[in-house]
């Protein structure tokens, strides 16, 4: 999904993430994933001049991964000790505290980067038969889901 992000867009993306996690049987990851998405999208709003980004939500064996790519130069820097009264500088610290892994991959052949995080389920989710896209192959993300195209 490619978006131009506004200050209130995170609410809508959180709903999408929540829906996928519930459908995938991984609702216990919702809090961490929603916080992660919120923090990364707020970085797009603050640091990407055109506020355009691509969001990919992936189901992985035993968990999920979110990737947010943009075309802005520069890589995010994790703050070490933000001022107690500062309203900035805590996003990646929070992300690091609530997800299992995160990282940044510089874009290849263009300006930009992909910031990603992964959350692991504590229990293996069930794999219902309806987790198949229109092609008949198991869905790893929403790209093959006809409902995601609406």
Foldseek 3Di string as FASTA:
>chain_A
DKDQDDPPCLVVVLVVVCVVCVVQQNNVCSVLVSLLSNLVLVCLVVAPVRSMWDWWWFADFQWIKIKIKDQGADDDDQADDDDPPDPDRCSVVSNVVRFDDWDKAADPPGHIIITMTMHGGPDGGDDDCVCAFPVRHRGGTCPRHPVVVD
